[in-house]
Amino acid sequence: MAGKLIAFNDNFADNSTEAGFQFTFFCNHCREGHKTRFVESSTYKKKKFFKGLGDVLGVVGQLTGKNFGGLERGSDIISERFNGMSPEWHKEHELAFEAAQNEAKGHFRRCPKCTKWLCENCWNESAGLCVADAPRENVEVAAARSKKLVQDIEQAAQNTPVFTGKIDARQTLCPKCAKPAGEGKFCGNCGAPLGMATCHKCGAQTQAGANFCGGCGGKL
């Protein structure tokens, strides 16, 4: 029966299979994981060897008519022995778990304040604490600056006048009959032209119906 695995960090996953052993240890802050190297099971290799040997002898027996019953039965016994993981496999499992912990410890730090195990990204080397207990100053300054920048942008947007789409309706008055002339080139009431007049002295364009030129002041 397998014993209980006791880890330096209880936040881990066992990725082991019948073929070998591998574990993933997770940071208690960011939950990023470190997966240890895969260690092949020697008992599994032996199982594959005897199974392959039994298959080969079975083929030879069929070709020669001889019965290698003793070896075939031995192969079957070994297959049954590894069914549901053998005691040898569990012993290998425990040893591999101990080696995996020693490997993973090199990628984690234990915070003396909160006693949690943290990955290198969540460790403040200068303070000797995790970033939860001792945030990195440059990171916090950059985050605060970005937050203030967003607040300033939102405040500026709130104080900026926004076009509402409402426009006062204005009518063009005919310079001749003084009535609303419409939007055409000629007055809709009297037919007077609504275009620009040209000053005969300076050649400046002046609104039709004006008495004096806007360019030289001469009488039109």
Protein backbone atom coordinates (compact mmCIF):
# COMPACT_ATOMS: atom_id res chain seq x y z
CA MET A 1 0.00 0.00 0.00
CA ALA A 2 1.30 3.43 -0.90
CA GLY A 3 2.28 5.81 1.88
CA LYS A 4 1.09 9.38 2.10
CA LEU A 5 3.31 11.82 0.23
CA ILE A 6 4.40 14.68 2.50
CA ALA A 7 5.74 17.64 0.51
CA PHE A 8 7.59 20.80 1.51
CA ASN A 9 4.77 22.59 -0.33
CA ASP A 10 1.35 20.93 -0.13
CA ASN A 11 0.29 22.76 -3.30
CA PHE A 12 1.47 20.18 -5.84
CA ALA A 13 0.18 17.75 -8.47
CA ASP A 14 1.30 14.17 -8.99
CA ASN A 15 1.75 13.52 -12.72
CA SER A 16 3.19 10.03 -12.29
CA THR A 17 2.09 7.08 -14.42
CA GLU A 18 2.96 3.41 -14.51
CA ALA A 19 5.84 4.29 -16.84
CA GLY A 20 7.49 6.81 -14.53
CA PHE A 21 7.31 9.67 -12.09
CA GLN A 22 6.87 13.41 -12.42
CA PHE A 23 5.47 16.12 -10.16
CA THR A 24 4.40 19.77 -10.47
CA PHE A 25 4.85 22.17 -7.56
CA PHE A 26 2.86 25.43 -7.60
CA CYS A 27 3.59 28.91 -6.27
CA ASN A 28 1.24 29.88 -3.43
CA HIS A 29 0.91 33.40 -4.83
CA CYS A 30 0.63 33.34 -8.63
CA ARG A 31 -0.16 29.59 -8.95
CA GLU A 32 2.48 29.14 -11.64
CA GLY A 33 3.94 25.64 -11.53
CA HIS A 34 7.35 24.02 -11.87
CA LYS A 35 7.26 20.52 -13.38
CA THR A 36 10.12 18.27 -12.34
CA ARG A 37 12.03 16.07 -14.75
CA PHE A 38 10.48 12.73 -15.71
CA VAL A 39 12.02 9.66 -14.05
CA GLU A 40 11.31 6.36 -15.77
CA SER A 41 10.21 3.46 -13.59
CA SER A 42 12.70 0.57 -13.58
CA THR A 43 9.92 -1.87 -12.70
CA TYR A 44 7.97 -0.70 -15.73
CA LYS A 45 11.04 -1.28 -17.93
CA LYS A 46 11.34 -4.83 -16.56
CA LYS A 47 7.65 -5.40 -17.18
CA LYS A 48 7.99 -4.32 -20.80
CA PHE A 49 11.05 -6.54 -21.21
CA PHE A 50 9.37 -9.71 -19.92
CA LYS A 51 6.21 -8.96 -21.83
CA GLY A 52 8.21 -8.55 -25.02
CA LEU A 53 10.17 -11.73 -24.27
CA GLY A 54 6.97 -13.68 -23.72
CA ASP A 55 5.55 -12.40 -27.02
CA VAL A 56 8.70 -13.42 -28.89
CA LEU A 57 8.75 -16.90 -27.35
CA GLY A 58 5.08 -17.32 -28.17
CA VAL A 59 5.80 -16.59 -31.83
CA VAL A 60 8.79 -18.96 -31.81
CA GLY A 61 6.64 -21.69 -30.27
CA GLN A 62 4.04 -21.29 -32.99
CA LEU A 63 6.73 -21.55 -35.68
CA THR A 64 8.60 -24.52 -34.15
CA GLY A 65 5.71 -26.29 -32.50
CA LYS A 66 7.49 -26.12 -29.11
CA ASN A 67 5.85 -24.91 -25.95
CA PHE A 68 7.78 -22.49 -23.70
CA GLY A 69 5.05 -22.69 -21.11
CA GLY A 70 7.27 -21.99 -18.14
CA LEU A 71 8.45 -18.61 -19.44
CA GLU A 72 4.99 -17.69 -20.68
CA ARG A 73 3.52 -18.35 -17.27
CA GLY A 74 6.32 -16.32 -15.72
CA SER A 75 5.46 -13.40 -18.01
CA ASP A 76 1.83 -13.63 -17.02
CA ILE A 77 2.77 -13.64 -13.32
CA ILE A 78 4.87 -10.50 -13.76
CA SER A 79 2.02 -8.75 -15.61
CA GLU A 80 -0.37 -9.57 -12.75
CA ARG A 81 2.20 -8.44 -10.21
CA PHE A 82 2.25 -4.92 -11.73
CA ASN A 83 -1.50 -4.72 -12.02
CA GLY A 84 -2.61 -1.86 -9.75
CA MET A 85 1.00 -0.80 -9.10
CA SER A 86 3.32 -3.14 -7.21
CA PRO A 87 5.05 -2.44 -3.87
CA GLU A 88 8.29 -1.97 -5.80
CA TRP A 89 6.63 0.70 -7.94
CA HIS A 90 5.35 2.48 -4.82
CA LYS A 91 8.83 2.38 -3.33
CA GLU A 92 10.19 3.94 -6.51
CA HIS A 93 7.39 6.49 -6.35
CA GLU A 94 8.36 7.63 -2.86
CA LEU A 95 12.04 7.92 -3.77
CA ALA A 96 11.21 9.84 -6.94
CA PHE A 97 8.98 12.19 -4.95
CA GLU A 98 11.80 12.94 -2.52
CA ALA A 99 14.17 13.67 -5.41
CA ALA A 100 11.54 15.85 -7.10
CA GLN A 101 11.15 17.96 -3.94
CA ASN A 102 14.89 18.57 -3.77
CA GLU A 103 14.77 19.67 -7.42
CA ALA A 104 11.75 21.94 -6.95
CA LYS A 105 13.08 23.65 -3.82
CA GLY A 106 15.69 25.33 -5.97
CA HIS A 107 12.92 27.21 -7.78
CA PHE A 108 10.99 28.39 -4.70
CA ARG A 109 11.53 30.67 -1.69
CA ARG A 110 9.80 30.46 1.70
CA CYS A 111 8.58 33.81 3.03
CA PRO A 112 9.54 34.20 6.72
CA LYS A 113 6.45 36.35 7.37
CA CYS A 114 3.57 34.45 5.75
CA THR A 115 5.50 31.11 5.62
CA LYS A 116 4.26 30.45 2.08
CA TRP A 117 6.40 29.02 -0.71
CA LEU A 118 6.76 31.42 -3.64
CA CYS A 119 8.29 31.18 -7.09
CA GLU A 120 11.16 33.46 -8.10
CA ASN A 121 8.78 35.88 -9.86
CA CYS A 122 6.85 36.46 -6.63
CA TRP A 123 9.91 36.96 -4.45
CA ASN A 124 11.31 40.38 -3.49
CA GLU A 125 15.02 39.66 -3.31
CA SER A 126 15.98 43.05 -1.85
CA ALA A 127 13.46 42.78 1.02
CA GLY A 128 13.80 39.05 1.64
CA LEU A 129 10.00 38.70 1.59
CA CYS A 130 7.31 37.74 -0.87
CA VAL A 131 5.79 40.48 -3.02
CA ALA A 132 2.51 40.20 -1.11
CA ASP A 133 4.23 41.28 2.11
CA ALA A 134 6.87 43.53 0.49
CA PRO A 135 5.74 44.83 -2.93
CA ARG A 136 8.46 45.91 -5.35
CA GLU A 137 8.68 49.71 -5.29
CA ASN A 138 9.28 50.20 -9.03
CA VAL A 139 6.33 47.96 -9.88
CA GLU A 140 3.98 49.77 -7.50
CA VAL A 141 5.11 53.21 -8.77
CA ALA A 142 4.51 52.18 -12.39
CA ALA A 143 1.10 50.73 -11.53
CA ALA A 144 0.07 53.87 -9.58
CA ARG A 145 1.23 56.13 -12.41
CA SER A 146 -0.78 54.15 -14.95
CA LYS A 147 -3.85 54.24 -12.73
CA LYS A 148 -3.54 58.03 -12.30
CA LEU A 149 -3.09 58.47 -16.05
CA VAL A 150 -6.35 56.63 -16.72
CA GLN A 151 -8.14 58.76 -14.09
CA ASP A 152 -6.82 61.98 -15.69
CA ILE A 153 -7.96 60.87 -19.13
CA GLU A 154 -11.43 60.05 -17.84
CA GLN A 155 -11.65 63.38 -15.99
CA ALA A 156 -10.55 65.33 -19.08
CA ALA A 157 -13.15 63.50 -21.15
CA GLN A 158 -15.87 64.41 -18.64
CA ASN A 159 -14.90 68.09 -18.74
CA THR A 160 -14.79 68.30 -22.55
CA PRO A 161 -17.91 69.80 -24.18
CA VAL A 162 -19.54 67.31 -26.45
CA PHE A 163 -21.63 68.22 -29.52
CA THR A 164 -25.25 67.28 -28.78
CA GLY A 165 -26.51 67.53 -32.37
CA LYS A 166 -28.90 70.42 -31.65
CA ILE A 167 -28.52 73.31 -34.14
CA ASP A 168 -30.58 76.48 -34.23
CA ALA A 169 -32.56 76.78 -37.45
CA ARG A 170 -31.62 79.89 -39.41
CA GLN A 171 -33.37 81.36 -42.48
CA THR A 172 -31.66 83.34 -45.29
CA LEU A 173 -33.44 86.65 -45.91
CA CYS A 174 -33.72 88.04 -49.41
CA PRO A 175 -31.78 91.34 -49.70
CA LYS A 176 -34.47 92.68 -52.02
CA CYS A 177 -37.83 91.73 -50.46
CA ALA A 178 -36.49 90.97 -46.95
CA LYS A 179 -38.48 87.73 -46.78
CA PRO A 180 -37.16 84.19 -46.17
CA ALA A 181 -35.54 83.29 -49.47
CA GLY A 182 -35.09 79.53 -49.10
CA GLU A 183 -31.93 77.57 -49.92
CA GLY A 184 -31.72 78.12 -53.69
CA LYS A 185 -29.66 80.58 -55.74
CA PHE A 186 -32.68 82.87 -56.19
CA CYS A 187 -35.28 84.16 -53.74
CA GLY A 188 -38.36 81.99 -53.60
CA ASN A 189 -40.60 85.07 -53.24
CA CYS A 190 -39.30 87.71 -55.65
CA GLY A 191 -36.77 85.80 -57.73
CA ALA A 192 -33.84 88.09 -56.84
CA PRO A 193 -30.39 86.45 -57.08
CA LEU A 194 -28.94 85.34 -53.77
CA GLY A 195 -25.33 84.94 -54.92
CA MET A 196 -22.32 87.16 -54.33
CA ALA A 197 -21.98 90.57 -56.00
CA THR A 198 -18.67 91.78 -57.46
CA CYS A 199 -17.38 95.27 -56.64
CA HIS A 200 -16.69 97.19 -59.89
CA LYS A 201 -13.82 99.07 -58.21
CA CYS A 202 -11.75 96.44 -56.40
CA GLY A 203 -13.33 93.22 -57.65
CA ALA A 204 -14.08 91.88 -54.13
CA GLN A 205 -17.00 89.50 -53.60
CA THR A 206 -19.78 90.98 -51.51
CA GLN A 207 -23.11 89.51 -50.51
CA ALA A 208 -25.85 90.41 -52.95
CA GLY A 209 -28.04 93.27 -51.80
CA ALA A 210 -25.29 95.02 -49.84
CA ASN A 211 -25.04 98.80 -50.31
CA PHE A 212 -21.26 99.05 -49.86
CA CYS A 213 -18.31 96.85 -50.77
CA GLY A 214 -16.75 94.90 -47.92
CA GLY A 215 -13.31 95.19 -49.54
CA CYS A 216 -12.91 98.87 -50.42
CA GLY A 217 -16.01 100.46 -48.92
CA GLY A 218 -17.18 101.80 -52.28
CA LYS A 219 -20.88 102.15 -52.99
CA LEU A 220 -22.39 99.29 -54.94
